[in-house]
Protein backbone atom coordinates (compact mmCIF):
# COMPACT_ATOMS: atom_id res chain seq x y z
CA MET A 1 199.51 -51.38 76.57
CA ARG A 2 197.61 -50.45 79.67
CA GLU A 3 194.48 -52.08 78.24
CA TYR A 4 196.13 -55.51 78.25
CA ASP A 5 197.19 -55.01 81.86
CA LEU A 6 193.48 -54.69 82.68
CA ILE A 7 192.52 -57.99 81.04
CA ALA A 8 195.65 -60.06 81.76
CA ASP A 9 193.91 -62.53 84.09
CA TRP A 10 190.88 -62.94 81.85
CA TYR A 11 192.90 -63.27 78.65
CA ARG A 12 194.37 -66.74 79.16
CA ARG A 13 191.07 -68.23 80.32
CA ASP A 14 189.15 -66.84 77.36
CA ARG A 15 191.60 -67.18 74.48
CA THR A 16 191.67 -70.44 72.58
CA GLN A 17 194.89 -72.37 73.13
CA SER A 18 195.50 -73.02 69.44
CA ILE A 19 195.02 -69.58 67.87
CA GLY A 20 197.98 -68.74 65.65
CA VAL A 21 199.96 -71.87 66.45
CA ALA A 22 199.71 -73.65 63.09
CA GLU A 23 200.38 -70.44 61.16
CA SER A 24 203.36 -69.50 63.34
CA LEU A 25 204.94 -72.94 63.09
CA ALA A 26 204.43 -72.93 59.31
CA ALA A 27 206.10 -69.51 59.06
CA VAL A 28 209.30 -70.79 60.68
CA ALA A 29 209.23 -74.36 59.34
CA SER A 30 212.06 -73.70 56.85
CA LEU A 31 214.41 -72.58 59.64
CA PRO A 32 216.63 -75.02 61.51
CA ARG A 33 215.72 -75.83 65.10
CA GLY A 34 217.55 -73.50 67.44
CA SER A 35 216.88 -70.47 65.24
CA ARG A 36 216.10 -67.31 67.20
CA VAL A 37 212.44 -66.20 66.83
CA LEU A 38 210.94 -62.99 68.21
CA ASP A 39 207.33 -63.15 69.42
CA LEU A 40 206.40 -59.49 68.99
CA GLY A 41 203.47 -58.64 71.25
CA CYS A 42 203.89 -61.98 73.02
CA GLY A 43 201.35 -61.32 75.76
CA ASN A 44 201.31 -64.14 78.30
CA GLY A 45 203.26 -66.46 75.99
CA SER A 46 200.38 -68.81 75.35
CA PRO A 47 199.96 -70.31 72.89
CA ILE A 48 202.50 -69.00 70.33
CA SER A 49 205.74 -68.62 72.32
CA GLU A 50 204.95 -71.88 74.05
CA ALA A 51 204.47 -73.72 70.74
CA LEU A 52 207.62 -72.25 69.18
CA ALA A 53 209.70 -73.20 72.21
CA GLY A 54 208.15 -76.67 72.16
CA ALA A 55 209.31 -77.00 68.55
CA ARG A 56 212.85 -76.19 69.77
CA TYR A 57 213.19 -72.64 68.49
CA ARG A 58 214.97 -70.10 70.71
CA VAL A 59 212.10 -67.75 71.45
CA VAL A 60 212.33 -64.24 72.86
CA GLY A 61 209.14 -62.41 73.78
CA LEU A 62 208.56 -58.66 73.55
CA ASP A 63 205.51 -56.90 74.95
CA SER A 64 204.65 -53.53 76.48
CA SER A 65 202.14 -54.84 79.03
CA ALA A 66 203.64 -55.43 82.48
CA GLY A 67 200.61 -57.51 83.47
CA MET A 68 200.92 -59.84 80.49
CA LEU A 69 204.68 -60.20 80.97
CA ALA A 70 204.22 -61.18 84.61
CA ARG A 71 202.00 -64.02 83.40
CA PHE A 72 204.48 -64.90 80.64
CA ARG A 73 207.23 -65.29 83.22
CA ARG A 74 205.03 -67.58 85.33
CA ASN A 75 203.85 -69.61 82.31
CA LEU A 76 207.23 -69.92 80.58
CA PRO A 77 209.99 -69.19 83.11
CA ARG A 78 212.80 -70.46 80.87
CA ILE A 79 211.99 -68.24 77.90
CA PRO A 80 213.47 -64.73 77.88
CA VAL A 81 210.98 -61.92 77.67
CA VAL A 82 211.50 -58.16 77.48
CA ARG A 83 209.19 -55.28 78.24
CA GLY A 84 209.46 -52.83 75.39
CA ASP A 85 207.84 -50.98 72.55
CA CYS A 86 207.84 -52.57 69.09
CA ARG A 87 208.47 -49.14 67.54
CA VAL A 88 211.92 -49.15 69.17
CA CYS A 89 212.80 -52.84 69.47
CA PRO A 90 215.47 -53.09 72.18
CA PHE A 91 217.63 -55.63 70.39
CA SER A 92 220.82 -55.67 68.32
CA ASP A 93 220.72 -55.39 64.55
CA ALA A 94 220.14 -58.62 62.60
CA LEU A 95 219.71 -60.68 65.79
CA PHE A 96 216.61 -62.70 64.85
CA ASP A 97 216.01 -65.39 62.24
CA ALA A 98 212.24 -64.76 62.23
CA ALA A 99 209.49 -62.72 63.88
CA ILE A 100 205.85 -63.43 64.62
CA SER A 101 203.35 -60.74 65.58
CA TRP A 102 199.89 -62.08 66.29
CA GLY A 103 197.06 -59.71 67.16
CA MET A 104 199.18 -56.69 68.01
CA LEU A 105 200.11 -54.41 65.10
CA PHE A 106 196.53 -53.35 64.33
CA HIS A 107 196.38 -51.56 67.70
CA LEU A 108 198.87 -49.03 66.27
CA THR A 109 198.01 -46.15 63.96
CA PRO A 110 199.19 -46.66 60.37
CA ARG A 111 202.07 -44.23 61.02
CA ASP A 112 203.14 -46.17 64.11
CA GLN A 113 202.79 -49.46 62.24
CA SER A 114 205.27 -48.12 59.68
CA ILE A 115 207.66 -47.17 62.47
CA ALA A 116 207.27 -50.68 63.96
CA PHE A 117 208.05 -52.29 60.58
CA ALA A 118 211.26 -50.26 60.36
CA SER A 119 212.25 -51.37 63.86
CA VAL A 120 211.50 -55.03 63.15
CA ALA A 121 213.40 -54.88 59.86
CA ARG A 122 216.48 -53.65 61.70
CA ILE A 123 216.56 -56.62 64.09
CA LEU A 124 215.84 -59.33 61.49
CA LYS A 125 218.51 -61.06 59.45
CA PRO A 126 218.25 -60.82 55.64
CA GLY A 127 215.84 -63.44 54.35
CA ALA A 128 214.07 -63.77 57.70
CA PRO A 129 210.35 -64.55 57.62
CA PHE A 130 207.90 -62.23 59.38
CA LEU A 131 204.32 -63.34 60.01
CA PHE A 132 201.89 -60.70 61.24
CA THR A 133 198.14 -60.25 61.52
CA ALA A 134 196.48 -57.03 60.52
CA ALA A 135 193.66 -55.47 58.50
CA GLU A 136 193.67 -53.84 55.10
CA ILE A 137 190.88 -51.63 53.70
CA PRO A 138 191.87 -50.35 50.24
CA ASP A 139 189.58 -47.29 50.25
CA ILE A 140 190.21 -46.20 53.85
CA ALA A 141 190.76 -42.49 54.42
CA ALA A 142 194.30 -41.43 55.25
CA ASP A 143 193.08 -39.80 58.48
CA ASP A 144 190.80 -42.67 59.55
CA PRO A 145 190.42 -42.59 63.35
CA GLY A 146 190.20 -46.37 63.63
CA ILE A 147 187.45 -48.26 65.40
CA THR A 148 186.94 -49.27 68.98
CA GLY A 149 185.98 -52.62 70.38
CA THR A 150 185.87 -54.22 73.78
CA LEU A 151 187.41 -57.28 75.38
CA ASN A 152 186.11 -58.16 78.82
CA GLY A 153 184.72 -54.65 79.17
CA VAL A 154 187.98 -52.88 78.26
CA THR A 155 187.97 -50.61 75.20
CA PHE A 156 190.66 -51.13 72.55
CA ARG A 157 191.40 -49.19 69.37
CA TYR A 158 192.01 -50.93 66.05
CA PHE A 159 193.40 -49.51 62.80
CA ALA A 160 193.50 -50.73 59.21
CA VAL A 161 195.81 -49.55 56.44
CA ARG A 162 195.23 -49.20 52.71
CA ASP A 163 197.91 -51.59 51.50
CA TYR A 164 200.54 -53.49 53.46
CA ARG A 165 202.71 -54.14 50.41
CA THR A 166 203.14 -50.39 50.03
CA LEU A 167 203.56 -49.76 53.76
CA ILE A 168 206.28 -52.34 54.40
CA ALA A 169 208.29 -52.21 51.15
CA PRO A 170 210.35 -49.13 52.17
CA HIS A 171 211.46 -51.06 55.25
CA GLY A 172 212.94 -53.93 53.30
CA PHE A 173 210.02 -56.37 53.45
CA GLU A 174 208.21 -58.17 50.69
CA ILE A 175 204.86 -59.88 51.25
CA GLU A 176 204.94 -63.40 49.86
CA LYS A 177 201.49 -64.65 50.89
CA VAL A 178 198.27 -63.30 52.38
CA TYR A 179 195.77 -65.59 54.07
CA GLY A 180 192.27 -64.59 55.08
CA ASP A 181 190.37 -66.28 57.88
CA PRO A 182 186.97 -64.53 57.73
CA GLY A 183 185.86 -63.22 61.09
CA ILE A 184 189.21 -64.10 62.68
CA ALA A 185 192.17 -62.33 61.06
CA THR A 186 194.20 -61.75 57.93
CA TYR A 187 197.71 -63.21 58.02
CA TYR A 188 200.58 -61.62 56.13
CA PHE A 189 203.68 -63.68 55.46
CA ALA A 190 206.52 -61.30 54.62
CA ARG A 191 210.24 -61.75 54.24
CA ARG A 192 213.11 -59.39 55.00
CA ARG A 193 215.01 -58.73 51.78
């Protein structure tokens, strides 16, 4: 995303270094060390890719922002990272044991989120956990234009969906748990069937 290129320098200084770490590590805790984990929308790699690698998982980052990926490569030079679009994940089928997507999917329209879920499902092994953050509003209009917000003066668009269980089920996912952190995010723990 071009917007993240504009805030790449500011982002690491401003973002707390623990956001998403405990939740991400809990999502993959049942997997053996060395399992391959995709950090979808990895940004600069801090703190989630860094924490997963520190826990001895084989992390691969995917992000569309060239600016964020340049910082990822400087921060975590030993971890592979790919510039790409989550709607067409550039990886082989059933390659990953888990995926984490923190603070990224809600930038996509509901239609594009559905396309992203199909792409992620393709690259995950059966039974793989998938933790993502997003927003659900049960009575949202189907043609809702989303909302805008700013980070460091850059405008971003955010979208909610009516029901993630309904949106992801056709793509082979089942939501096992939903956690709310008021004012921060809602976490969805899903599993590839």
